[in-house]
Protein backbone atom coordinates (compact mmCIF):
# COMPACT_ATOMS: atom_id res chain seq x y z
CA MET A 1 -12.87 2.03 4.55
CA ARG A 2 -9.95 3.40 6.55
CA GLY A 3 -10.02 6.94 5.17
CA ILE A 4 -7.60 8.82 2.95
CA VAL A 5 -3.87 8.59 2.38
CA PHE A 6 -2.41 11.58 0.55
CA LEU A 7 0.72 11.07 -1.54
CA ASP A 8 2.91 13.63 -3.21
CA ARG A 9 3.92 12.54 -6.71
CA ASP A 10 7.46 13.61 -7.63
CA GLY A 11 9.97 12.19 -5.16
CA VAL A 12 7.43 9.83 -3.56
CA LEU A 13 5.87 7.86 -6.42
CA ASN A 14 8.32 8.68 -9.18
CA ALA A 15 11.85 10.03 -9.49
CA ASP A 16 11.96 13.81 -9.40
CA SER A 17 13.92 16.00 -11.79
CA PRO A 18 15.11 19.61 -11.55
CA ASP A 19 14.19 19.82 -15.24
CA PHE A 20 10.59 18.67 -14.56
CA ILE A 21 8.97 15.44 -15.70
CA LYS A 22 7.73 16.57 -19.11
CA THR A 23 6.71 13.35 -20.87
CA VAL A 24 5.55 9.87 -19.98
CA ASP A 25 8.95 8.62 -21.19
CA GLU A 26 10.66 10.75 -18.52
CA TRP A 27 8.32 9.47 -15.82
CA GLN A 28 10.12 6.75 -13.85
CA PRO A 29 8.39 5.15 -10.85
CA ILE A 30 10.56 4.75 -7.77
CA PRO A 31 11.09 1.01 -7.26
CA GLY A 32 8.35 -0.38 -5.03
CA SER A 33 6.30 2.84 -4.97
CA LEU A 34 3.43 1.70 -7.18
CA GLU A 35 3.23 -1.57 -5.26
CA ALA A 36 3.14 0.38 -1.98
CA ALA A 37 0.35 2.66 -3.23
CA ALA A 38 -1.60 -0.40 -4.39
CA ARG A 39 -1.07 -2.05 -1.01
CA LEU A 40 -2.52 0.98 0.77
CA SER A 41 -5.51 0.89 -1.56
CA ARG A 42 -6.08 -2.83 -1.05
CA ALA A 43 -5.95 -2.23 2.73
CA GLY A 44 -8.98 0.04 2.44
CA PHE A 45 -7.48 3.51 2.09
CA ARG A 46 -8.59 5.98 -0.56
CA VAL A 47 -5.22 6.87 -2.11
CA ILE A 48 -5.10 10.47 -3.32
CA VAL A 49 -2.18 12.07 -5.17
CA VAL A 50 -1.62 15.79 -4.48
CA SER A 51 1.09 17.44 -6.56
CA ASN A 52 2.48 20.83 -7.53
CA GLN A 53 3.07 20.85 -11.30
CA SER A 54 4.41 24.31 -12.12
CA GLY A 55 5.89 22.94 -15.35
CA VAL A 56 2.40 23.46 -16.81
CA ALA A 57 2.42 27.23 -16.09
CA ARG A 58 6.03 27.48 -17.28
CA GLY A 59 5.02 26.03 -20.65
CA LEU A 60 7.24 22.97 -20.17
CA VAL A 61 4.53 20.36 -19.62
CA PRO A 62 1.46 20.40 -21.86
CA LEU A 63 -1.72 19.22 -20.14
CA GLU A 64 -1.93 16.33 -22.61
CA ALA A 65 1.50 15.12 -21.47
CA LEU A 66 0.52 15.50 -17.82
CA ASP A 67 -2.64 13.48 -18.50
CA SER A 68 -0.50 10.74 -20.09
CA ILE A 69 1.82 10.69 -17.08
CA HIS A 70 -1.12 10.43 -14.71
CA ARG A 71 -2.70 7.69 -16.82
CA ALA A 72 0.59 5.73 -16.59
CA LEU A 73 0.61 6.28 -12.81
CA ARG A 74 -2.97 5.03 -12.48
CA ASP A 75 -2.29 2.06 -14.75
CA GLY A 76 0.83 1.18 -12.76
CA VAL A 77 -1.03 1.15 -9.46
CA GLU A 78 -3.89 -0.84 -10.99
CA ALA A 79 -1.40 -3.39 -12.38
CA HIS A 80 -0.53 -4.14 -8.74
CA GLY A 81 -4.16 -4.57 -7.69
CA GLY A 82 -4.78 -1.10 -6.30
CA GLN A 83 -6.57 2.06 -7.30
CA LEU A 84 -5.92 5.76 -7.07
CA SER A 85 -9.04 7.55 -5.90
CA GLY A 86 -7.89 10.86 -7.34
CA ILE A 87 -5.03 12.90 -8.69
CA TYR A 88 -5.14 16.59 -7.82
CA PHE A 89 -2.52 18.96 -9.15
CA CYS A 90 -1.71 22.64 -9.05
CA PRO A 91 -0.74 23.86 -12.55
CA HIS A 92 0.35 27.31 -11.34
CA ALA A 93 3.80 28.85 -11.05
CA PRO A 94 5.19 29.53 -7.56
CA ASP A 95 4.58 33.29 -7.86
CA ASP A 96 0.99 33.03 -9.16
CA GLY A 97 -0.50 33.42 -5.68
CA CYS A 98 -2.98 30.57 -6.03
CA ARG A 99 -4.47 28.70 -3.07
CA CYS A 100 -3.94 25.24 -4.52
CA ARG A 101 -0.12 25.20 -4.61
CA LYS A 102 1.31 23.41 -1.59
CA PRO A 103 1.77 24.46 1.15
CA GLY A 104 -1.75 25.70 0.36
CA ILE A 105 -4.48 23.22 1.16
CA GLU A 106 -7.06 23.78 -1.58
CA LEU A 107 -6.24 20.46 -3.31
CA ILE A 108 -6.72 18.60 -0.03
CA ARG A 109 -10.07 20.34 0.50
CA ARG A 110 -11.16 19.39 -3.03
CA ALA A 111 -10.30 15.75 -2.32
CA GLU A 112 -12.32 15.89 0.91
CA ALA A 113 -15.32 17.30 -0.97
CA ASP A 114 -15.04 14.73 -3.76
CA THR A 115 -14.64 11.71 -1.48
CA GLY A 116 -16.83 12.81 1.41
CA LEU A 117 -13.99 11.86 3.76
CA ALA A 118 -12.20 14.09 6.22
CA ALA A 119 -8.47 14.77 5.88
CA LYS A 120 -8.09 15.27 9.64
CA GLY A 121 -5.54 12.75 10.88
CA ALA A 122 -4.97 11.26 7.43
CA PRO A 123 -1.36 10.44 6.55
CA PHE A 124 0.17 12.81 3.99
CA VAL A 125 3.38 11.41 2.53
CA GLY A 126 5.75 13.93 0.96
CA ASP A 127 9.39 14.65 0.29
CA ARG A 128 9.47 18.43 0.77
CA MET A 129 8.73 20.80 3.58
CA THR A 130 5.86 22.28 1.54
CA ASP A 131 4.19 18.84 1.68
CA LEU A 132 4.60 18.68 5.44
CA GLU A 133 3.36 22.25 5.88
CA ALA A 134 0.27 21.53 3.76
CA ALA A 135 -0.35 18.38 5.78
CA ARG A 136 -0.23 20.26 9.08
CA ARG A 137 -2.40 23.11 7.80
CA ALA A 138 -5.06 20.64 6.67
CA GLY A 139 -4.94 18.63 9.91
CA CYS A 140 -3.25 15.64 8.28
CA ARG A 141 -0.46 13.52 9.75
CA PRO A 142 2.77 14.47 7.90
CA VAL A 143 5.08 11.62 6.85
CA PHE A 144 8.44 12.46 5.27
CA ILE A 145 10.25 10.57 2.51
CA ARG A 146 13.93 11.39 2.70
CA GLY A 147 15.12 9.15 -0.12
CA SER A 148 18.81 8.49 0.18
CA SER A 149 19.58 11.98 1.45
CA CYS A 150 19.77 13.39 4.94
CA LEU A 151 16.85 14.97 6.70
CA PRO A 152 16.36 18.68 6.04
CA PRO A 153 17.45 20.86 8.96
CA GLU A 154 13.85 21.95 9.59
CA LEU A 155 12.92 18.43 10.66
CA ALA A 156 15.47 18.64 13.47
CA SER A 157 13.50 21.43 15.14
CA ALA A 158 11.16 20.64 18.00
CA SER A 159 8.11 21.65 15.98
CA TRP A 160 8.77 18.87 13.43
CA ALA A 161 10.34 16.25 15.71
CA ASP A 162 7.20 14.08 15.69
CA VAL A 163 7.23 13.60 11.90
CA PRO A 164 8.13 10.03 10.99
CA ASN A 165 10.62 9.76 8.14
CA PHE A 166 11.39 6.91 5.79
CA VAL A 167 13.64 6.08 2.86
CA ASP A 168 10.72 5.43 0.50
CA LEU A 169 6.99 4.85 0.17
CA THR A 170 7.44 1.12 0.82
CA GLU A 171 8.78 1.84 4.32
CA ALA A 172 6.16 4.54 4.89
CA SER A 173 3.32 2.22 3.86
CA ASP A 174 4.62 -0.45 6.26
CA TRP A 175 4.43 2.16 9.02
CA ILE A 176 0.97 3.41 7.96
CA LEU A 177 -0.37 -0.13 7.92
CA GLY A 178 1.34 -1.01 11.20
CA PRO A 179 -0.84 -2.13 14.10
CA THR A 180 -0.58 1.10 16.11
CA ASN A 181 -0.24 3.87 13.55
CA MET A 182 -3.07 4.65 11.17
CA THR A 183 -5.54 1.88 11.86
CA PRO A 184 -9.03 3.07 12.84
């Protein structure tokens, strides 16, 4: 067992939408992402999804629909020979003041408690600054997915200069599994 890899959902595993992903029909995996997650799992990592899902609090995404989306995500990773060890989500709105919404770290702490594994040093792959901030707060190693867009200006600052960035999860998983990066 190599430890944990944390993955954000929207923008890392599936296409994001400003209108929220409300149904399993709207959920579209990013090409190669499910294969990359499965590859990390097969390599001995516990793959944990950590996601803000404020569409639940906004009344846009019923929990039954979210469960269906997560079932499709699990099934997709399993179809490629991998396994998700957990999916943790914050159902609250941004102004609710909860501790589980990223950049809060409550979801990461829950995953640690459930798996018995420490998050310290674990890669946390995300596509937003809130993902990177949560990763740092929890002692994880932030990894940024930029997609086809430019890097956010914050990543140009000295305090974020050490964060590796990649086009997609396939590239990030190649880096994670590389001989000098996240191997024990």
